[in-house]
Amino acid sequence: MTDILRILISPLVWLASFSAVYGLHGLICGHGIEGDVLGFPLQRVLMVAAYAAAILLQVMLVAGLSAQRFSSPSAFVRFVSRVTAWVGLVATVWSLLPVVTTTYCL
């Protein structure tokens, strides 16, 4: 893994996750997906699952960039990549929080 990839992977994954979750929201609302899963609306289940998957992916990046195997020999790159990994995790939790706290379609 190159140093620039170590630094940018988490924000790039946040960008992709953000786009995917809100794209899923558009598909759910635009195509009228209906149904229930264990008594919960299918729309809510899909959105919460996408939110959880995005967070899990960011947590795996934090863990991976903290592991010796994937860390850089440079102390500076190690520090910056870990900071950006935490920033990506916080950004994912915060920016996708409306997925689980608001209505999914009007």
PDB file of N, CA and C in Angstrom:
ATOM      1  N   MET A   1       0.851  -1.170   0.000  1.00  0.00           N
ATOM      2  CA  MET A   1       0.000   0.000   0.000  1.00  0.00           C
ATOM      3  C   MET A   1       0.896   1.232   0.000  1.00  0.00           C
ATOM      4  N   THR A   2       0.689   2.093  -0.928  1.00  0.00           N
ATOM      5  CA  THR A   2       1.521   3.294  -0.979  1.00  0.00           C
ATOM      6  C   THR A   2       1.071   4.283   0.089  1.00  0.00           C
ATOM      7  N   ASP A   3       1.945   5.198   0.405  1.00  0.00           N
ATOM      8  CA  ASP A   3       1.651   6.145   1.474  1.00  0.00           C
ATOM      9  C   ASP A   3       0.455   7.033   1.161  1.00  0.00           C
ATOM     10  N   ILE A   4       0.326   7.485  -0.059  1.00  0.00           N
ATOM     11  CA  ILE A   4      -0.799   8.350  -0.407  1.00  0.00           C
ATOM     12  C   ILE A   4      -2.116   7.591  -0.297  1.00  0.00           C
ATOM     13  N   LEU A   5      -2.113   6.314  -0.640  1.00  0.00           N
ATOM     14  CA  LEU A   5      -3.311   5.493  -0.498  1.00  0.00           C
ATOM     15  C   LEU A   5      -3.655   5.296   0.974  1.00  0.00           C
ATOM     16  N   ARG A   6      -2.647   5.090   1.805  1.00  0.00           N
ATOM     17  CA  ARG A   6      -2.881   4.959   3.244  1.00  0.00           C
ATOM     18  C   ARG A   6      -3.563   6.208   3.799  1.00  0.00           C
ATOM     19  N   ILE A   7      -3.140   7.359   3.326  1.00  0.00           N
ATOM     20  CA  ILE A   7      -3.677   8.620   3.833  1.00  0.00           C
ATOM     21  C   ILE A   7      -5.086   8.873   3.309  1.00  0.00           C
ATOM     22  N   LEU A   8      -5.357   8.532   2.065  1.00  0.00           N
ATOM     23  CA  LEU A   8      -6.621   8.910   1.433  1.00  0.00           C
ATOM     24  C   LEU A   8      -7.701   7.840   1.427  1.00  0.00           C
ATOM     25  N   ILE A   9      -7.379   6.609   1.811  1.00  0.00           N
ATOM     26  CA  ILE A   9      -8.354   5.527   1.675  1.00  0.00           C
ATOM     27  C   ILE A   9      -9.625   5.760   2.485  1.00  0.00           C
ATOM     28  N   SER A  10      -9.495   6.220   3.700  1.00  0.00           N
ATOM     29  CA  SER A  10     -10.677   6.399   4.538  1.00  0.00           C
ATOM     30  C   SER A  10     -11.599   7.508   4.039  1.00  0.00           C
ATOM     31  N   PRO A  11     -11.084   8.689   3.692  1.00  0.00           N
ATOM     32  CA  PRO A  11     -11.992   9.692   3.114  1.00  0.00           C
ATOM     33  C   PRO A  11     -12.612   9.246   1.786  1.00  0.00           C
ATOM     34  N   LEU A  12     -11.884   8.500   0.991  1.00  0.00           N
ATOM     35  CA  LEU A  12     -12.446   8.000  -0.262  1.00  0.00           C
ATOM     36  C   LEU A  12     -13.547   6.981  -0.011  1.00  0.00           C
ATOM     37  N   VAL A  13     -13.364   6.129   0.992  1.00  0.00           N
ATOM     38  CA  VAL A  13     -14.408   5.160   1.344  1.00  0.00           C
ATOM     39  C   VAL A  13     -15.623   5.896   1.907  1.00  0.00           C
ATOM     40  N   TRP A  14     -15.386   6.970   2.690  1.00  0.00           N
ATOM     41  CA  TRP A  14     -16.515   7.769   3.171  1.00  0.00           C
ATOM     42  C   TRP A  14     -17.289   8.343   1.988  1.00  0.00           C
ATOM     43  N   LEU A  15     -16.588   8.889   1.012  1.00  0.00           N
ATOM     44  CA  LEU A  15     -17.233   9.469  -0.160  1.00  0.00           C
ATOM     45  C   LEU A  15     -18.070   8.421  -0.899  1.00  0.00           C
ATOM     46  N   ALA A  16     -17.515   7.252  -1.088  1.00  0.00           N
ATOM     47  CA  ALA A  16     -18.236   6.187  -1.780  1.00  0.00           C
ATOM     48  C   ALA A  16     -19.436   5.716  -0.958  1.00  0.00           C
ATOM     49  N   SER A  17     -19.257   5.597   0.351  1.00  0.00           N
ATOM     50  CA  SER A  17     -20.354   5.166   1.218  1.00  0.00           C
ATOM     51  C   SER A  17     -21.481   6.184   1.226  1.00  0.00           C
ATOM     52  N   PHE A  18     -21.132   7.442   1.333  1.00  0.00           N
ATOM     53  CA  PHE A  18     -22.124   8.513   1.326  1.00  0.00           C
ATOM     54  C   PHE A  18     -22.933   8.462   0.030  1.00  0.00           C
ATOM     55  N   SER A  19     -22.240   8.345  -1.086  1.00  0.00           N
ATOM     56  CA  SER A  19     -22.918   8.290  -2.385  1.00  0.00           C
ATOM     57  C   SER A  19     -23.793   7.048  -2.502  1.00  0.00           C
ATOM     58  N   ALA A  20     -23.300   5.926  -2.034  1.00  0.00           N
ATOM     59  CA  ALA A  20     -24.056   4.678  -2.135  1.00  0.00           C
ATOM     60  C   ALA A  20     -25.304   4.699  -1.261  1.00  0.00           C
ATOM     61  N   VAL A  21     -25.183   5.186  -0.032  1.00  0.00           N
ATOM     62  CA  VAL A  21     -26.337   5.199   0.874  1.00  0.00           C
ATOM     63  C   VAL A  21     -27.411   6.154   0.366  1.00  0.00           C
ATOM     64  N   TYR A  22     -27.026   7.333  -0.045  1.00  0.00           N
ATOM     65  CA  TYR A  22     -28.040   8.260  -0.538  1.00  0.00           C
ATOM     66  C   TYR A  22     -28.542   7.869  -1.925  1.00  0.00           C
ATOM     67  N   GLY A  23     -27.747   7.165  -2.690  1.00  0.00           N
ATOM     68  CA  GLY A  23     -28.241   6.585  -3.941  1.00  0.00           C
ATOM     69  C   GLY A  23     -29.270   5.503  -3.669  1.00  0.00           C
ATOM     70  N   LEU A  24     -29.012   4.681  -2.650  1.00  0.00           N
ATOM     71  CA  LEU A  24     -29.981   3.664  -2.243  1.00  0.00           C
ATOM     72  C   LEU A  24     -31.272   4.328  -1.778  1.00  0.00           C
ATOM     73  N   HIS A  25     -31.136   5.421  -1.059  1.00  0.00           N
ATOM     74  CA  HIS A  25     -32.317   6.171  -0.617  1.00  0.00           C
ATOM     75  C   HIS A  25     -33.146   6.621  -1.819  1.00  0.00           C
ATOM     76  N   GLY A  26     -32.487   7.128  -2.831  1.00  0.00           N
ATOM     77  CA  GLY A  26     -33.191   7.546  -4.040  1.00  0.00           C
ATOM     78  C   GLY A  26     -33.879   6.380  -4.739  1.00  0.00           C
ATOM     79  N   LEU A  27     -33.210   5.247  -4.795  1.00  0.00           N
ATOM     80  CA  LEU A  27     -33.826   4.069  -5.421  1.00  0.00           C
ATOM     81  C   LEU A  27     -35.038   3.592  -4.639  1.00  0.00           C
ATOM     82  N   ILE A  28     -34.912   3.567  -3.322  1.00  0.00           N
ATOM     83  CA  ILE A  28     -36.027   3.111  -2.488  1.00  0.00           C
ATOM     84  C   ILE A  28     -37.232   4.029  -2.654  1.00  0.00           C
ATOM     85  N   CYS A  29     -36.993   5.329  -2.602  1.00  0.00           N
ATOM     86  CA  CYS A  29     -38.097   6.282  -2.704  1.00  0.00           C
ATOM     87  C   CYS A  29     -38.630   6.391  -4.130  1.00  0.00           C
ATOM     88  N   GLY A  30     -37.743   6.342  -5.098  1.00  0.00           N
ATOM     89  CA  GLY A  30     -38.150   6.511  -6.482  1.00  0.00           C
ATOM     90  C   GLY A  30     -38.878   5.327  -7.076  1.00  0.00           C
ATOM     91  N   HIS A  31     -38.595   4.140  -6.589  1.00  0.00           N
ATOM     92  CA  HIS A  31     -39.201   2.940  -7.169  1.00  0.00           C
ATOM     93  C   HIS A  31     -40.254   2.310  -6.268  1.00  0.00           C
ATOM     94  N   GLY A  32     -40.567   2.962  -5.163  1.00  0.00           N
ATOM     95  CA  GLY A  32     -41.646   2.482  -4.295  1.00  0.00           C
ATOM     96  C   GLY A  32     -41.425   1.091  -3.734  1.00  0.00           C
ATOM     97  N   ILE A  33     -40.231   0.817  -3.265  1.00  0.00           N
ATOM     98  CA  ILE A  33     -39.947  -0.491  -2.683  1.00  0.00           C
ATOM     99  C   ILE A  33     -40.755  -0.634  -1.396  1.00  0.00           C
ATOM    100  N   GLU A  34     -41.526  -1.683  -1.304  1.00  0.00           N
ATOM    101  CA  GLU A  34     -42.415  -1.923  -0.162  1.00  0.00           C
ATOM    102  C   GLU A  34     -42.109  -3.287   0.436  1.00  0.00           C
ATOM    103  N   GLY A  35     -42.601  -3.513   1.635  1.00  0.00           N
ATOM    104  CA  GLY A  35     -42.473  -4.812   2.264  1.00  0.00           C
ATOM    105  C   GLY A  35     -42.082  -4.696   3.720  1.00  0.00           C
ATOM    106  N   ASP A  36     -42.075  -5.841   4.378  1.00  0.00           N
ATOM    107  CA  ASP A  36     -41.707  -5.918   5.788  1.00  0.00           C
ATOM    108  C   ASP A  36     -40.679  -7.021   5.991  1.00  0.00           C
ATOM    109  N   VAL A  37     -39.796  -6.796   6.953  1.00  0.00           N
ATOM    110  CA  VAL A  37     -38.824  -7.803   7.365  1.00  0.00           C
ATOM    111  C   VAL A  37     -38.892  -7.882   8.887  1.00  0.00           C
ATOM    112  N   LEU A  38     -39.408  -8.993   9.389  1.00  0.00           N
ATOM    113  CA  LEU A  38     -39.551  -9.205  10.829  1.00  0.00           C
ATOM    114  C   LEU A  38     -40.321  -8.070  11.501  1.00  0.00           C
ATOM    115  N   GLY A  39     -41.323  -7.571  10.814  1.00  0.00           N
ATOM    116  CA  GLY A  39     -42.163  -6.515  11.367  1.00  0.00           C
ATOM    117  C   GLY A  39     -41.645  -5.108  11.145  1.00  0.00           C
ATOM    118  N   PHE A  40     -40.479  -4.958  10.545  1.00  0.00           N
ATOM    119  CA  PHE A  40     -39.924  -3.639  10.254  1.00  0.00           C
ATOM    120  C   PHE A  40     -40.085  -3.355   8.766  1.00  0.00           C
ATOM    121  N   PRO A  41     -40.307  -2.090   8.401  1.00  0.00           N
ATOM    122  CA  PRO A  41     -40.417  -1.753   6.971  1.00  0.00           C
ATOM    123  C   PRO A  41     -39.113  -2.088   6.232  1.00  0.00           C
ATOM    124  N   LEU A  42     -39.252  -2.688   5.068  1.00  0.00           N
ATOM    125  CA  LEU A  42     -38.093  -3.075   4.267  1.00  0.00           C
ATOM    126  C   LEU A  42     -37.202  -1.887   3.954  1.00  0.00           C
ATOM    127  N   GLN A  43     -37.806  -0.724   3.703  1.00  0.00           N
ATOM    128  CA  GLN A  43     -37.030   0.469   3.394  1.00  0.00           C
ATOM    129  C   GLN A  43     -36.091   0.810   4.549  1.00  0.00           C
ATOM    130  N   ARG A  44     -36.604   0.783   5.774  1.00  0.00           N
ATOM    131  CA  ARG A  44     -35.797   1.115   6.949  1.00  0.00           C
ATOM    132  C   ARG A  44     -34.702   0.065   7.148  1.00  0.00           C
ATOM    133  N   VAL A  45     -35.030  -1.197   6.955  1.00  0.00           N
ATOM    134  CA  VAL A  45     -34.037  -2.268   7.116  1.00  0.00           C
ATOM    135  C   VAL A  45     -32.888  -2.088   6.133  1.00  0.00           C
ATOM    136  N   LEU A  46     -33.203  -1.786   4.883  1.00  0.00           N
ATOM    137  CA  LEU A  46     -32.166  -1.592   3.875  1.00  0.00           C
ATOM    138  C   LEU A  46     -31.280  -0.402   4.209  1.00  0.00           C
ATOM    139  N   MET A  47     -31.884   0.702   4.638  1.00  0.00           N
ATOM    140  CA  MET A  47     -31.113   1.899   4.944  1.00  0.00           C
ATOM    141  C   MET A  47     -30.230   1.704   6.175  1.00  0.00           C
ATOM    142  N   VAL A  48     -30.764   1.067   7.204  1.00  0.00           N
ATOM    143  CA  VAL A  48     -29.966   0.823   8.410  1.00  0.00           C
ATOM    144  C   VAL A  48     -28.847  -0.173   8.112  1.00  0.00           C
ATOM    145  N   ALA A  49     -29.119  -1.169   7.280  1.00  0.00           N
ATOM    146  CA  ALA A  49     -28.068  -2.126   6.902  1.00  0.00           C
ATOM    147  C   ALA A  49     -26.954  -1.431   6.121  1.00  0.00           C
ATOM    148  N   ALA A  50     -27.310  -0.521   5.233  1.00  0.00           N
ATOM    149  CA  ALA A  50     -26.291   0.220   4.484  1.00  0.00           C
ATOM    150  C   ALA A  50     -25.478   1.116   5.414  1.00  0.00           C
ATOM    151  N   TYR A  51     -26.135   1.757   6.370  1.00  0.00           N
ATOM    152  CA  TYR A  51     -25.467   2.592   7.368  1.00  0.00           C
ATOM    153  C   TYR A  51     -24.492   1.753   8.195  1.00  0.00           C
ATOM    154  N   ALA A  52     -24.956   0.605   8.655  1.00  0.00           N
ATOM    155  CA  ALA A  52     -24.106  -0.278   9.464  1.00  0.00           C
ATOM    156  C   ALA A  52     -22.922  -0.800   8.653  1.00  0.00           C
ATOM    157  N   ALA A  53     -23.145  -1.124   7.392  1.00  0.00           N
ATOM    158  CA  ALA A  53     -22.052  -1.614   6.549  1.00  0.00           C
ATOM    159  C   ALA A  53     -21.002  -0.533   6.327  1.00  0.00           C
ATOM    160  N   ALA A  54     -21.442   0.708   6.138  1.00  0.00           N
ATOM    161  CA  ALA A  54     -20.504   1.813   5.948  1.00  0.00           C
ATOM    162  C   ALA A  54     -19.660   2.024   7.205  1.00  0.00           C
ATOM    163  N   ILE A  55     -20.300   1.958   8.367  1.00  0.00           N
ATOM    164  CA  ILE A  55     -19.566   2.130   9.625  1.00  0.00           C
ATOM    165  C   ILE A  55     -18.601   0.964   9.838  1.00  0.00           C
ATOM    166  N   LEU A  56     -19.052  -0.244   9.579  1.00  0.00           N
ATOM    167  CA  LEU A  56     -18.185  -1.414   9.739  1.00  0.00           C
ATOM    168  C   LEU A  56     -16.960  -1.318   8.839  1.00  0.00           C
ATOM    169  N   LEU A  57     -17.147  -0.871   7.623  1.00  0.00           N
ATOM    170  CA  LEU A  57     -16.024  -0.718   6.696  1.00  0.00           C
ATOM    171  C   LEU A  57     -15.015   0.308   7.223  1.00  0.00           C
ATOM    172  N   GLN A  58     -15.516   1.409   7.768  1.00  0.00           N
ATOM    173  CA  GLN A  58     -14.608   2.419   8.321  1.00  0.00           C
ATOM    174  C   GLN A  58     -13.890   1.901   9.569  1.00  0.00           C
ATOM    175  N   VAL A  59     -14.577   1.134  10.403  1.00  0.00           N
ATOM    176  CA  VAL A  59     -13.934   0.553  11.583  1.00  0.00           C
ATOM    177  C   VAL A  59     -12.828  -0.414  11.158  1.00  0.00           C
ATOM    178  N   MET A  60     -13.082  -1.182  10.104  1.00  0.00           N
ATOM    179  CA  MET A  60     -12.056  -2.093   9.601  1.00  0.00           C
ATOM    180  C   MET A  60     -10.853  -1.318   9.068  1.00  0.00           C
ATOM    181  N   LEU A  61     -11.086  -0.163   8.458  1.00  0.00           N
ATOM    182  CA  LEU A  61      -9.974   0.666   7.989  1.00  0.00           C
ATOM    183  C   LEU A  61      -9.167   1.219   9.155  1.00  0.00           C
ATOM    184  N   VAL A  62      -9.848   1.669  10.215  1.00  0.00           N
ATOM    185  CA  VAL A  62      -9.135   2.156  11.402  1.00  0.00           C
ATOM    186  C   VAL A  62      -8.266   1.032  11.971  1.00  0.00           C
ATOM    187  N   ALA A  63      -8.837  -0.152  12.086  1.00  0.00           N
ATOM    188  CA  ALA A  63      -8.080  -1.286  12.617  1.00  0.00           C
ATOM    189  C   ALA A  63      -6.928  -1.672  11.692  1.00  0.00           C
ATOM    190  N   GLY A  64      -7.190  -1.684  10.405  1.00  0.00           N
ATOM    191  CA  GLY A  64      -6.152  -2.056   9.447  1.00  0.00           C
ATOM    192  C   GLY A  64      -5.000  -1.075   9.417  1.00  0.00           C
ATOM    193  N   LEU A  65      -5.316   0.209   9.460  1.00  0.00           N
ATOM    194  CA  LEU A  65      -4.252   1.214   9.422  1.00  0.00           C
ATOM    195  C   LEU A  65      -3.508   1.311  10.751  1.00  0.00           C
ATOM    196  N   SER A  66      -4.085   0.776  11.798  1.00  0.00           N
ATOM    197  CA  SER A  66      -3.398   0.743  13.093  1.00  0.00           C
ATOM    198  C   SER A  66      -2.533  -0.507  13.244  1.00  0.00           C
ATOM    199  N   ALA A  67      -2.760  -1.497  12.407  1.00  0.00           N
ATOM    200  CA  ALA A  67      -1.996  -2.747  12.476  1.00  0.00           C
ATOM    201  C   ALA A  67      -0.594  -2.553  11.901  1.00  0.00           C
ATOM    202  N   GLN A  68       0.340  -3.245  12.442  1.00  0.00           N
ATOM    203  CA  GLN A  68       1.736  -3.150  12.003  1.00  0.00           C
ATOM    204  C   GLN A  68       1.887  -3.585  10.540  1.00  0.00           C
ATOM    205  N   ARG A  69       1.110  -4.565  10.136  1.00  0.00           N
ATOM    206  CA  ARG A  69       1.224  -5.123   8.784  1.00  0.00           C
ATOM    207  C   ARG A  69       0.994  -4.078   7.691  1.00  0.00           C
ATOM    208  N   PHE A  70       0.026  -3.167   7.900  1.00  0.00           N
ATOM    209  CA  PHE A  70      -0.329  -2.200   6.873  1.00  0.00           C
ATOM    210  C   PHE A  70       0.216  -0.805   7.137  1.00  0.00           C
ATOM    211  N   SER A  71       0.927  -0.612   8.218  1.00  0.00           N
ATOM    212  CA  SER A  71       1.415   0.728   8.538  1.00  0.00           C
ATOM    213  C   SER A  71       2.656   1.064   7.715  1.00  0.00           C
ATOM    214  N   SER A  72       2.881   2.342   7.604  1.00  0.00           N
ATOM    215  CA  SER A  72       4.017   2.844   6.840  1.00  0.00           C
ATOM    216  C   SER A  72       5.273   2.854   7.706  1.00  0.00           C
ATOM    217  N   PRO A  73       6.438   2.742   7.084  1.00  0.00           N
ATOM    218  CA  PRO A  73       7.676   2.888   7.850  1.00  0.00           C
ATOM    219  C   PRO A  73       7.865   4.316   8.372  1.00  0.00           C
ATOM    220  N   SER A  74       7.244   5.274   7.722  1.00  0.00           N
ATOM    221  CA  SER A  74       7.350   6.675   8.110  1.00  0.00           C
ATOM    222  C   SER A  74       6.394   6.976   9.270  1.00  0.00           C
ATOM    223  N   ALA A  75       6.918   7.549  10.341  1.00  0.00           N
ATOM    224  CA  ALA A  75       6.086   7.896  11.496  1.00  0.00           C
ATOM    225  C   ALA A  75       5.039   8.942  11.129  1.00  0.00           C
ATOM    226  N   PHE A  76       5.413   9.894  10.276  1.00  0.00           N
ATOM    227  CA  PHE A  76       4.481  10.934   9.858  1.00  0.00           C
ATOM    228  C   PHE A  76       3.300  10.338   9.096  1.00  0.00           C
ATOM    229  N   VAL A  77       3.574   9.476   8.134  1.00  0.00           N
ATOM    230  CA  VAL A  77       2.509   8.855   7.340  1.00  0.00           C
ATOM    231  C   VAL A  77       1.644   7.974   8.225  1.00  0.00           C
ATOM    232  N   ARG A  78       2.249   7.253   9.153  1.00  0.00           N
ATOM    233  CA  ARG A  78       1.493   6.426  10.096  1.00  0.00           C
ATOM    234  C   ARG A  78       0.507   7.280  10.892  1.00  0.00           C
ATOM    235  N   PHE A  79       0.980   8.409  11.404  1.00  0.00           N
ATOM    236  CA  PHE A  79       0.141   9.308  12.191  1.00  0.00           C
ATOM    237  C   PHE A  79      -0.990   9.894  11.345  1.00  0.00           C
ATOM    238  N   VAL A  80      -0.655  10.418  10.183  1.00  0.00           N
ATOM    239  CA  VAL A  80      -1.659  11.063   9.330  1.00  0.00           C
ATOM    240  C   VAL A  80      -2.687  10.040   8.841  1.00  0.00           C
ATOM    241  N   SER A  81      -2.263   8.848   8.483  1.00  0.00           N
ATOM    242  CA  SER A  81      -3.212   7.841   8.002  1.00  0.00           C
ATOM    243  C   SER A  81      -4.166   7.402   9.113  1.00  0.00           C
ATOM    244  N   ARG A  82      -3.682   7.316  10.327  1.00  0.00           N
ATOM    245  CA  ARG A  82      -4.564   6.970  11.447  1.00  0.00           C
ATOM    246  C   ARG A  82      -5.533   8.100  11.742  1.00  0.00           C
ATOM    247  N   VAL A  83      -5.061   9.327  11.665  1.00  0.00           N
ATOM    248  CA  VAL A  83      -5.952  10.474  11.898  1.00  0.00           C
ATOM    249  C   VAL A  83      -7.034  10.524  10.824  1.00  0.00           C
ATOM    250  N   THR A  84      -6.661  10.362   9.564  1.00  0.00           N
ATOM    251  CA  THR A  84      -7.667  10.407   8.502  1.00  0.00           C
ATOM    252  C   THR A  84      -8.621   9.214   8.593  1.00  0.00           C
ATOM    253  N   ALA A  85      -8.140   8.086   9.108  1.00  0.00           N
ATOM    254  CA  ALA A  85      -9.035   6.943   9.306  1.00  0.00           C
ATOM    255  C   ALA A  85     -10.099   7.278  10.352  1.00  0.00           C
ATOM    256  N   TRP A  86      -9.698   7.905  11.444  1.00  0.00           N
ATOM    257  CA  TRP A  86     -10.663   8.313  12.468  1.00  0.00           C
ATOM    258  C   TRP A  86     -11.595   9.398  11.940  1.00  0.00           C
ATOM    259  N   VAL A  87     -11.066  10.315  11.152  1.00  0.00           N
ATOM    260  CA  VAL A  87     -11.907  11.354  10.557  1.00  0.00           C
ATOM    261  C   VAL A  87     -12.941  10.722   9.626  1.00  0.00           C
ATOM    262  N   GLY A  88     -12.535   9.738   8.846  1.00  0.00           N
ATOM    263  CA  GLY A  88     -13.472   9.038   7.962  1.00  0.00           C
ATOM    264  C   GLY A  88     -14.562   8.323   8.740  1.00  0.00           C
ATOM    265  N   LEU A  89     -14.198   7.714   9.864  1.00  0.00           N
ATOM    266  CA  LEU A  89     -15.183   7.028  10.696  1.00  0.00           C
ATOM    267  C   LEU A  89     -16.182   8.019  11.285  1.00  0.00           C
ATOM    268  N   VAL A  90     -15.689   9.108  11.838  1.00  0.00           N
ATOM    269  CA  VAL A  90     -16.576  10.119  12.417  1.00  0.00           C
ATOM    270  C   VAL A  90     -17.456  10.745  11.333  1.00  0.00           C
ATOM    271  N   ALA A  91     -16.886  11.027  10.175  1.00  0.00           N
ATOM    272  CA  ALA A  91     -17.662  11.605   9.075  1.00  0.00           C
ATOM    273  C   ALA A  91     -18.762  10.650   8.621  1.00  0.00           C
ATOM    274  N   THR A  92     -18.463   9.375   8.586  1.00  0.00           N
ATOM    275  CA  THR A  92     -19.461   8.390   8.182  1.00  0.00           C
ATOM    276  C   THR A  92     -20.603   8.332   9.190  1.00  0.00           C
ATOM    277  N   VAL A  93     -20.258   8.237  10.455  1.00  0.00           N
ATOM    278  CA  VAL A  93     -21.295   8.170  11.494  1.00  0.00           C
ATOM    279  C   VAL A  93     -22.149   9.436  11.462  1.00  0.00           C
ATOM    280  N   TRP A  94     -21.528  10.590  11.386  1.00  0.00           N
ATOM    281  CA  TRP A  94     -22.249  11.860  11.464  1.00  0.00           C
ATOM    282  C   TRP A  94     -23.066  12.149  10.198  1.00  0.00           C
ATOM    283  N   SER A  95     -22.471  12.001   9.043  1.00  0.00           N
ATOM    284  CA  SER A  95     -23.159  12.403   7.815  1.00  0.00           C
ATOM    285  C   SER A  95     -24.245  11.422   7.400  1.00  0.00           C
ATOM    286  N   LEU A  96     -24.163  10.181   7.839  1.00  0.00           N
ATOM    287  CA  LEU A  96     -25.192   9.209   7.486  1.00  0.00           C
ATOM    288  C   LEU A  96     -26.195   8.985   8.615  1.00  0.00           C
ATOM    289  N   LEU A  97     -26.034   9.692   9.724  1.00  0.00           N
ATOM    290  CA  LEU A  97     -26.954   9.554  10.847  1.00  0.00           C
ATOM    291  C   LEU A  97     -28.405   9.844  10.463  1.00  0.00           C
ATOM    292  N   PRO A  98     -28.696  10.789   9.580  1.00  0.00           N
ATOM    293  CA  PRO A  98     -30.101  11.004   9.184  1.00  0.00           C
ATOM    294  C   PRO A  98     -30.763   9.764   8.589  1.00  0.00           C
ATOM    295  N   VAL A  99     -29.984   8.825   8.115  1.00  0.00           N
ATOM    296  CA  VAL A  99     -30.531   7.585   7.562  1.00  0.00           C
ATOM    297  C   VAL A  99     -31.334   6.838   8.619  1.00  0.00           C
ATOM    298  N   VAL A 100     -30.876   6.843   9.851  1.00  0.00           N
ATOM    299  CA  VAL A 100     -31.551   6.079  10.899  1.00  0.00           C
ATOM    300  C   VAL A 100     -32.444   6.942  11.783  1.00  0.00           C
ATOM    301  N   THR A 101     -32.353   8.255  11.656  1.00  0.00           N
ATOM    302  CA  THR A 101     -33.136   9.111  12.554  1.00  0.00           C
ATOM    303  C   THR A 101     -34.289   9.832  11.882  1.00  0.00           C
ATOM    304  N   THR A 102     -34.367   9.820  10.573  1.00  0.00           N
ATOM    305  CA  THR A 102     -35.434  10.532   9.889  1.00  0.00           C
ATOM    306  C   THR A 102     -36.244   9.564   9.044  1.00  0.00           C
ATOM    307  N   THR A 103     -37.351  10.057   8.507  1.00  0.00           N
ATOM    308  CA  THR A 103     -38.169   9.225   7.639  1.00  0.00           C
ATOM    309  C   THR A 103     -37.427   8.972   6.335  1.00  0.00           C
ATOM    310  N   TYR A 104     -37.696   7.870   5.704  1.00  0.00           N
ATOM    311  CA  TYR A 104     -36.953   7.509   4.505  1.00  0.00           C
ATOM    312  C   TYR A 104     -37.562   8.060   3.234  1.00  0.00           C
ATOM    313  N   CYS A 105     -38.862   8.257   3.173  1.00  0.00           N
ATOM    314  CA  CYS A 105     -39.508   8.831   1.992  1.00  0.00           C
ATOM    315  C   CYS A 105     -40.668   9.703   2.450  1.00  0.00           C
ATOM    316  N   LEU A 106     -40.978  10.696   1.665  1.00  0.00           N
ATOM    317  CA  LEU A 106     -42.131  11.554   1.984  1.00  0.00           C
ATOM    318  C   LEU A 106     -43.315  11.191   1.144  1.00  0.00           C
TER     319      LEU A 106
END
